[in-house]
Amino acid sequence: MSAQPATPRAAPADRRTSTIQKRSSLLPRPASIVLDDTVLIAQHAQLTGSFPITAGPNTVLHPHSKISSALAPVVLGEGTIVYERAKVGVGSGAGDGRIESQEGGVGGGRGEGTVLGRYVVVETNAIVEAAEVGEGSVVEVGALVGRGCVVGKFCTITASTVLFPNTRIPDYTVVFAGSEHRIDKTMRDRDEARMLKIGMHRKQLEMFKKLVPNNAAKWRVG
């Protein structure tokens, strides 16, 4: 007796891919997304929420980074870099457990929303809900900047640091060891130090354009 041909079955990988696509389609799309033509958005980066998201020239969003406008608008300034698994936007730290969530809406320091200035860097696993992060500042790996915070220019929030809601950090400040502060006098007093930092940042942006496939077309409207 001849054997009946086996009915082909879909590979498990196909089912997983289908599930991922369905889940992604359920994520809320922002009311408006405004992207400069030079923005780089890697595959698997997420832009979600109900309020507008705006990204300026040469913004870079790495894979699995997340920009959330679920509770308020988000503005990413020129040359902003958001690394893998970093989150930006009010409410992004919900459930993190390191700070108590505020109740009663978006409120706090400097009005609603999150604005990152020119050449800001948000490193891997960091969470930024701040009202504002100033030009040239860095939020290092795993740090959390609570909602309503205002961080000045050329600041460094060191790895795993937590800034509680509505904290204000002056320009050129380094925050370390939890809540210790010092002024980076080199960055404050030397124009050439700031220019060198910005120059190195721009070189990074050019490198990313060469190495990271751009998926920004997916998020452009019209």
C-alpha atoms as a PDB file:
ATOM      1  CA  MET A   1       0.000   0.000   0.000  1.00  0.00           C
ATOM      2  CA  SER A   2       1.427   3.345  -1.006  1.00  0.00           C
ATOM      3  CA  ALA A   3       1.850   5.922   1.691  1.00  0.00           C
ATOM      4  CA  GLN A   4      -0.245   9.064   1.482  1.00  0.00           C
ATOM      5  CA  PRO A   5       1.817  12.251   1.097  1.00  0.00           C
ATOM      6  CA  ALA A   6       2.108  14.166   4.329  1.00  0.00           C
ATOM      7  CA  THR A   7       0.192  17.426   4.547  1.00  0.00           C
ATOM      8  CA  PRO A   8       2.697  20.291   4.710  1.00  0.00           C
ATOM      9  CA  ARG A   9       2.698  22.253   7.937  1.00  0.00           C
ATOM     10  CA  ALA A  10       3.695  25.842   8.495  1.00  0.00           C
ATOM     11  CA  ALA A  11       7.008  26.209  10.218  1.00  0.00           C
ATOM     12  CA  PRO A  12       6.882  27.386  13.846  1.00  0.00           C
ATOM     13  CA  ALA A  13       8.910  30.458  12.880  1.00  0.00           C
ATOM     14  CA  ASP A  14       6.096  31.514  10.532  1.00  0.00           C
ATOM     15  CA  ARG A  15       3.581  31.381  13.376  1.00  0.00           C
ATOM     16  CA  ARG A  16       5.807  33.422  15.639  1.00  0.00           C
ATOM     17  CA  THR A  17       6.328  36.058  12.955  1.00  0.00           C
ATOM     18  CA  SER A  18       2.588  36.278  12.374  1.00  0.00           C
ATOM     19  CA  THR A  19       1.966  36.729  16.103  1.00  0.00           C
ATOM     20  CA  ILE A  20       4.549  39.505  16.338  1.00  0.00           C
ATOM     21  CA  GLN A  21       2.988  41.327  13.390  1.00  0.00           C
ATOM     22  CA  LYS A  22      -0.484  41.097  14.937  1.00  0.00           C
ATOM     23  CA  ARG A  23       0.718  42.418  18.286  1.00  0.00           C
ATOM     24  CA  SER A  24       2.576  45.292  16.621  1.00  0.00           C
ATOM     25  CA  SER A  25      -0.542  46.266  14.703  1.00  0.00           C
ATOM     26  CA  LEU A  26      -2.457  46.633  17.985  1.00  0.00           C
ATOM     27  CA  LEU A  27      -0.084  49.286  19.334  1.00  0.00           C
ATOM     28  CA  PRO A  28      -1.648  52.780  19.202  1.00  0.00           C
ATOM     29  CA  ARG A  29      -0.213  55.019  16.506  1.00  0.00           C
ATOM     30  CA  PRO A  30       0.473  58.644  17.494  1.00  0.00           C
ATOM     31  CA  ALA A  31      -1.955  61.311  16.328  1.00  0.00           C
ATOM     32  CA  SER A  32       0.820  62.740  14.192  1.00  0.00           C
ATOM     33  CA  ILE A  33       4.433  61.840  13.491  1.00  0.00           C
ATOM     34  CA  VAL A  34       6.671  64.566  12.074  1.00  0.00           C
ATOM     35  CA  LEU A  35      10.024  63.259  10.869  1.00  0.00           C
ATOM     36  CA  ASP A  36      12.838  65.191   9.250  1.00  0.00           C
ATOM     37  CA  ASP A  37      14.046  63.622   5.995  1.00  0.00           C
ATOM     38  CA  THR A  38      17.351  62.692   7.656  1.00  0.00           C
ATOM     39  CA  VAL A  39      15.865  60.737  10.595  1.00  0.00           C
ATOM     40  CA  LEU A  40      17.141  57.164  11.033  1.00  0.00           C
ATOM     41  CA  ILE A  41      14.698  54.685  12.611  1.00  0.00           C
ATOM     42  CA  ALA A  42      15.972  51.137  12.896  1.00  0.00           C
ATOM     43  CA  GLN A  43      13.796  48.077  12.480  1.00  0.00           C
ATOM     44  CA  HIS A  44      11.883  47.148  15.673  1.00  0.00           C
ATOM     45  CA  ALA A  45      12.019  50.683  17.066  1.00  0.00           C
ATOM     46  CA  GLN A  46       8.572  51.706  18.336  1.00  0.00           C
ATOM     47  CA  LEU A  47       6.666  54.985  18.144  1.00  0.00           C
ATOM     48  CA  THR A  48       3.383  54.696  20.030  1.00  0.00           C
ATOM     49  CA  GLY A  49       0.811  56.827  21.799  1.00  0.00           C
ATOM     50  CA  SER A  50      -1.980  59.323  21.261  1.00  0.00           C
ATOM     51  CA  PHE A  51      -0.114  62.647  21.145  1.00  0.00           C
ATOM     52  CA  PRO A  52       2.290  63.956  18.462  1.00  0.00           C
ATOM     53  CA  ILE A  53       5.883  62.778  18.111  1.00  0.00           C
ATOM     54  CA  THR A  54       8.394  65.063  16.380  1.00  0.00           C
ATOM     55  CA  ALA A  55      11.953  64.056  15.427  1.00  0.00           C
ATOM     56  CA  GLY A  56      14.448  66.627  14.184  1.00  0.00           C
ATOM     57  CA  PRO A  57      17.343  66.304  11.713  1.00  0.00           C
ATOM     58  CA  ASN A  58      19.637  63.284  12.089  1.00  0.00           C
ATOM     59  CA  THR A  59      17.738  61.764  14.995  1.00  0.00           C
ATOM     60  CA  VAL A  60      18.683  58.090  15.466  1.00  0.00           C
ATOM     61  CA  LEU A  61      16.395  55.482  17.067  1.00  0.00           C
ATOM     62  CA  HIS A  62      18.105  52.138  17.556  1.00  0.00           C
ATOM     63  CA  PRO A  63      16.379  48.711  17.447  1.00  0.00           C
ATOM     64  CA  HIS A  64      13.861  48.134  20.271  1.00  0.00           C
ATOM     65  CA  SER A  65      14.019  51.739  21.443  1.00  0.00           C
ATOM     66  CA  LYS A  66      10.593  53.105  22.330  1.00  0.00           C
ATOM     67  CA  ILE A  67       9.167  56.608  21.992  1.00  0.00           C
ATOM     68  CA  SER A  68       5.807  56.863  23.761  1.00  0.00           C
ATOM     69  CA  SER A  69       3.376  59.774  23.487  1.00  0.00           C
ATOM     70  CA  ALA A  70       0.650  57.948  25.394  1.00  0.00           C
ATOM     71  CA  LEU A  71       0.224  60.788  27.907  1.00  0.00           C
ATOM     72  CA  ALA A  72       1.917  63.807  26.289  1.00  0.00           C
ATOM     73  CA  PRO A  73       3.813  64.926  23.160  1.00  0.00           C
ATOM     74  CA  VAL A  74       7.473  64.042  22.560  1.00  0.00           C
ATOM     75  CA  VAL A  75       9.999  66.213  20.707  1.00  0.00           C
ATOM     76  CA  LEU A  76      13.439  64.852  19.781  1.00  0.00           C
ATOM     77  CA  GLY A  77      15.943  67.541  18.869  1.00  0.00           C
ATOM     78  CA  GLU A  78      18.560  67.484  16.151  1.00  0.00           C
ATOM     79  CA  GLY A  79      20.990  64.594  16.426  1.00  0.00           C
ATOM     80  CA  THR A  80      19.278  62.868  19.346  1.00  0.00           C
ATOM     81  CA  ILE A  81      20.374  59.238  19.794  1.00  0.00           C
ATOM     82  CA  VAL A  82      18.134  56.738  21.600  1.00  0.00           C
ATOM     83  CA  TYR A  83      19.839  53.371  22.066  1.00  0.00           C
ATOM     84  CA  GLU A  84      18.482  49.812  22.325  1.00  0.00           C
ATOM     85  CA  ARG A  85      15.656  49.239  24.837  1.00  0.00           C
ATOM     86  CA  ALA A  86      15.749  52.854  25.971  1.00  0.00           C
ATOM     87  CA  LYS A  87      12.381  54.557  26.520  1.00  0.00           C
ATOM     88  CA  VAL A  88      11.427  58.207  26.088  1.00  0.00           C
ATOM     89  CA  GLY A  89       8.116  59.843  26.973  1.00  0.00           C
ATOM     90  CA  VAL A  90       5.878  60.550  29.954  1.00  0.00           C
ATOM     91  CA  GLY A  91       4.660  57.259  31.433  1.00  0.00           C
ATOM     92  CA  SER A  92       7.502  55.201  29.963  1.00  0.00           C
ATOM     93  CA  GLY A  93       8.669  54.216  33.456  1.00  0.00           C
ATOM     94  CA  ALA A  94       5.312  52.898  34.625  1.00  0.00           C
ATOM     95  CA  GLY A  95       5.872  49.695  36.543  1.00  0.00           C
ATOM     96  CA  ASP A  96       9.630  50.241  36.796  1.00  0.00           C
ATOM     97  CA  GLY A  97       9.418  50.230  40.596  1.00  0.00           C
ATOM     98  CA  ARG A  98      12.294  52.629  41.291  1.00  0.00           C
ATOM     99  CA  ILE A  99      10.084  55.694  41.721  1.00  0.00           C
ATOM    100  CA  GLU A 100       6.445  56.018  42.635  1.00  0.00           C
ATOM    101  CA  SER A 101       4.279  57.048  39.708  1.00  0.00           C
ATOM    102  CA  GLN A 102       2.570  60.411  39.959  1.00  0.00           C
ATOM    103  CA  GLU A 103      -1.172  60.544  39.906  1.00  0.00           C
ATOM    104  CA  GLY A 104      -3.489  63.129  38.490  1.00  0.00           C
ATOM    105  CA  GLY A 105      -2.189  63.366  34.940  1.00  0.00           C
ATOM    106  CA  VAL A 106       0.916  64.758  33.390  1.00  0.00           C
ATOM    107  CA  GLY A 107       1.558  67.732  35.667  1.00  0.00           C
ATOM    108  CA  GLY A 108       4.833  68.778  37.216  1.00  0.00           C
ATOM    109  CA  GLY A 109       7.911  70.835  36.453  1.00  0.00           C
ATOM    110  CA  ARG A 110       7.851  72.511  33.067  1.00  0.00           C
ATOM    111  CA  GLY A 111       4.536  71.704  31.534  1.00  0.00           C
ATOM    112  CA  GLU A 112       3.418  68.691  29.598  1.00  0.00           C
ATOM    113  CA  GLY A 113       5.469  66.526  27.318  1.00  0.00           C
ATOM    114  CA  THR A 114       9.098  65.556  26.867  1.00  0.00           C
ATOM    115  CA  VAL A 115      11.638  67.606  24.903  1.00  0.00           C
ATOM    116  CA  LEU A 116      15.167  66.376  24.209  1.00  0.00           C
ATOM    117  CA  GLY A 117      17.560  69.061  22.988  1.00  0.00           C
ATOM    118  CA  ARG A 118      20.209  68.885  20.269  1.00  0.00           C
ATOM    119  CA  TYR A 119      22.690  66.005  20.479  1.00  0.00           C
ATOM    120  CA  VAL A 120      21.156  64.361  23.549  1.00  0.00           C
ATOM    121  CA  VAL A 121      22.083  60.689  24.104  1.00  0.00           C
ATOM    122  CA  VAL A 122      19.808  58.204  25.886  1.00  0.00           C
ATOM    123  CA  GLU A 123      21.753  54.994  26.448  1.00  0.00           C
ATOM    124  CA  THR A 124      20.579  51.372  26.626  1.00  0.00           C
ATOM    125  CA  ASN A 125      17.755  50.613  29.113  1.00  0.00           C
ATOM    126  CA  ALA A 126      17.529  54.235  30.262  1.00  0.00           C
ATOM    127  CA  ILE A 127      14.096  55.777  30.815  1.00  0.00           C
ATOM    128  CA  VAL A 128      13.461  59.483  30.224  1.00  0.00           C
ATOM    129  CA  GLU A 129      10.138  61.035  31.225  1.00  0.00           C
ATOM    130  CA  ALA A 130      11.656  64.478  31.792  1.00  0.00           C
ATOM    131  CA  ALA A 131      10.052  67.729  30.720  1.00  0.00           C
ATOM    132  CA  GLU A 132      13.365  68.747  29.156  1.00  0.00           C
ATOM    133  CA  VAL A 133      16.898  67.435  28.668  1.00  0.00           C
ATOM    134  CA  GLY A 134      19.292  70.088  27.426  1.00  0.00           C
ATOM    135  CA  GLU A 135      21.731  70.131  24.532  1.00  0.00           C
ATOM    136  CA  GLY A 136      24.630  67.689  24.662  1.00  0.00           C
ATOM    137  CA  SER A 137      23.461  65.863  27.783  1.00  0.00           C
ATOM    138  CA  VAL A 138      23.841  62.109  28.280  1.00  0.00           C
ATOM    139  CA  VAL A 139      21.538  59.762  30.192  1.00  0.00           C
ATOM    140  CA  GLU A 140      23.655  56.690  30.770  1.00  0.00           C
ATOM    141  CA  VAL A 141      22.781  52.987  30.848  1.00  0.00           C
ATOM    142  CA  GLY A 142      19.793  52.105  33.033  1.00  0.00           C
ATOM    143  CA  ALA A 143      19.283  55.610  34.435  1.00  0.00           C
ATOM    144  CA  LEU A 144      15.775  56.892  35.103  1.00  0.00           C
ATOM    145  CA  VAL A 145      14.821  60.561  34.722  1.00  0.00           C
ATOM    146  CA  GLY A 146      11.380  61.106  36.254  1.00  0.00           C
ATOM    147  CA  ARG A 147       8.561  63.148  34.832  1.00  0.00           C
ATOM    148  CA  GLY A 148       8.749  66.903  35.143  1.00  0.00           C
ATOM    149  CA  CYS A 149      12.546  66.886  35.519  1.00  0.00           C
ATOM    150  CA  VAL A 150      14.542  69.629  33.821  1.00  0.00           C
ATOM    151  CA  VAL A 151      18.124  68.666  32.966  1.00  0.00           C
ATOM    152  CA  GLY A 152      20.449  71.408  31.761  1.00  0.00           C
ATOM    153  CA  LYS A 153      22.993  71.507  28.934  1.00  0.00           C
ATOM    154  CA  PHE A 154      25.987  69.163  28.760  1.00  0.00           C
ATOM    155  CA  CYS A 155      24.968  67.203  31.843  1.00  0.00           C
ATOM    156  CA  THR A 156      25.710  63.553  32.561  1.00  0.00           C
ATOM    157  CA  ILE A 157      23.241  61.357  34.425  1.00  0.00           C
ATOM    158  CA  THR A 158      25.428  58.372  35.251  1.00  0.00           C
ATOM    159  CA  ALA A 159      24.457  54.722  34.912  1.00  0.00           C
ATOM    160  CA  SER A 160      21.524  53.488  37.055  1.00  0.00           C
ATOM    161  CA  THR A 161      20.964  56.927  38.622  1.00  0.00           C
ATOM    162  CA  VAL A 162      17.366  57.818  39.504  1.00  0.00           C
ATOM    163  CA  LEU A 163      16.174  61.433  39.279  1.00  0.00           C
ATOM    164  CA  PHE A 164      12.906  61.812  41.144  1.00  0.00           C
ATOM    165  CA  PRO A 165      10.015  63.737  39.544  1.00  0.00           C
ATOM    166  CA  ASN A 166      10.426  67.498  39.118  1.00  0.00           C
ATOM    167  CA  THR A 167      14.171  67.482  39.890  1.00  0.00           C
ATOM    168  CA  ARG A 168      16.143  70.351  38.313  1.00  0.00           C
ATOM    169  CA  ILE A 169      19.744  69.781  37.263  1.00  0.00           C
ATOM    170  CA  PRO A 170      21.862  72.860  36.346  1.00  0.00           C
ATOM    171  CA  ASP A 171      23.981  73.050  33.191  1.00  0.00           C
ATOM    172  CA  TYR A 172      27.265  71.074  33.158  1.00  0.00           C
ATOM    173  CA  THR A 173      26.291  68.900  36.135  1.00  0.00           C
ATOM    174  CA  VAL A 174      27.364  65.274  36.602  1.00  0.00           C
ATOM    175  CA  VAL A 175      24.956  63.267  38.777  1.00  0.00           C
ATOM    176  CA  PHE A 176      26.540  60.148  40.274  1.00  0.00           C
ATOM    177  CA  ALA A 177      26.326  57.674  43.186  1.00  0.00           C
ATOM    178  CA  GLY A 178      22.578  58.084  43.402  1.00  0.00           C
ATOM    179  CA  SER A 179      22.216  61.750  44.298  1.00  0.00           C
ATOM    180  CA  GLU A 180      25.732  63.231  44.383  1.00  0.00           C
ATOM    181  CA  HIS A 181      26.424  66.184  42.094  1.00  0.00           C
ATOM    182  CA  ARG A 182      29.501  67.892  40.737  1.00  0.00           C
ATOM    183  CA  ILE A 183      30.107  70.509  38.053  1.00  0.00           C
ATOM    184  CA  ASP A 184      32.107  69.485  34.995  1.00  0.00           C
ATOM    185  CA  LYS A 185      34.331  72.564  34.950  1.00  0.00           C
ATOM    186  CA  THR A 186      36.123  71.508  31.778  1.00  0.00           C
ATOM    187  CA  MET A 187      32.860  71.366  29.862  1.00  0.00           C
ATOM    188  CA  ARG A 188      31.647  74.574  31.482  1.00  0.00           C
ATOM    189  CA  ASP A 189      34.765  76.666  30.982  1.00  0.00           C
ATOM    190  CA  ARG A 190      36.195  75.454  27.673  1.00  0.00           C
ATOM    191  CA  ASP A 191      34.358  76.113  24.444  1.00  0.00           C
ATOM    192  CA  GLU A 192      36.705  73.745  22.615  1.00  0.00           C
ATOM    193  CA  ALA A 193      35.686  70.869  24.917  1.00  0.00           C
ATOM    194  CA  ARG A 194      32.041  71.367  24.041  1.00  0.00           C
ATOM    195  CA  MET A 195      32.826  71.657  20.328  1.00  0.00           C
ATOM    196  CA  LEU A 196      34.909  68.472  20.460  1.00  0.00           C
ATOM    197  CA  LYS A 197      32.038  66.624  22.130  1.00  0.00           C
ATOM    198  CA  ILE A 198      29.581  67.773  19.475  1.00  0.00           C
ATOM    199  CA  GLY A 199      32.063  66.899  16.706  1.00  0.00           C
ATOM    200  CA  MET A 200      32.452  63.344  18.004  1.00  0.00           C
ATOM    201  CA  HIS A 201      28.689  63.037  18.275  1.00  0.00           C
ATOM    202  CA  ARG A 202      28.265  64.054  14.641  1.00  0.00           C
ATOM    203  CA  LYS A 203      30.806  61.426  13.573  1.00  0.00           C
ATOM    204  CA  GLN A 204      28.755  58.809  15.424  1.00  0.00           C
ATOM    205  CA  LEU A 205      25.660  59.895  13.548  1.00  0.00           C
ATOM    206  CA  GLU A 206      27.432  59.460  10.217  1.00  0.00           C
ATOM    207  CA  MET A 207      28.637  55.999  11.256  1.00  0.00           C
ATOM    208  CA  PHE A 208      25.115  54.918  12.178  1.00  0.00           C
ATOM    209  CA  LYS A 209      23.832  55.999   8.767  1.00  0.00           C
ATOM    210  CA  LYS A 210      26.340  53.643   7.164  1.00  0.00           C
ATOM    211  CA  LEU A 211      25.767  50.674   9.474  1.00  0.00           C
ATOM    212  CA  VAL A 212      22.080  50.721  10.498  1.00  0.00           C
ATOM    213  CA  PRO A 213      19.340  49.995   7.923  1.00  0.00           C
ATOM    214  CA  ASN A 214      16.767  52.789   7.895  1.00  0.00           C
ATOM    215  CA  ASN A 215      13.115  51.875   8.423  1.00  0.00           C
ATOM    216  CA  ALA A 216      11.859  55.454   8.725  1.00  0.00           C
ATOM    217  CA  ALA A 217       9.605  55.135   5.647  1.00  0.00           C
ATOM    218  CA  LYS A 218       7.298  52.916   7.703  1.00  0.00           C
ATOM    219  CA  TRP A 219       6.465  55.857   9.969  1.00  0.00           C
ATOM    220  CA  ARG A 220       6.036  58.585   7.395  1.00  0.00           C
ATOM    221  CA  VAL A 221       2.496  59.701   6.737  1.00  0.00           C
ATOM    222  CA  GLY A 222       1.288  60.251   3.186  1.00  0.00           C
END
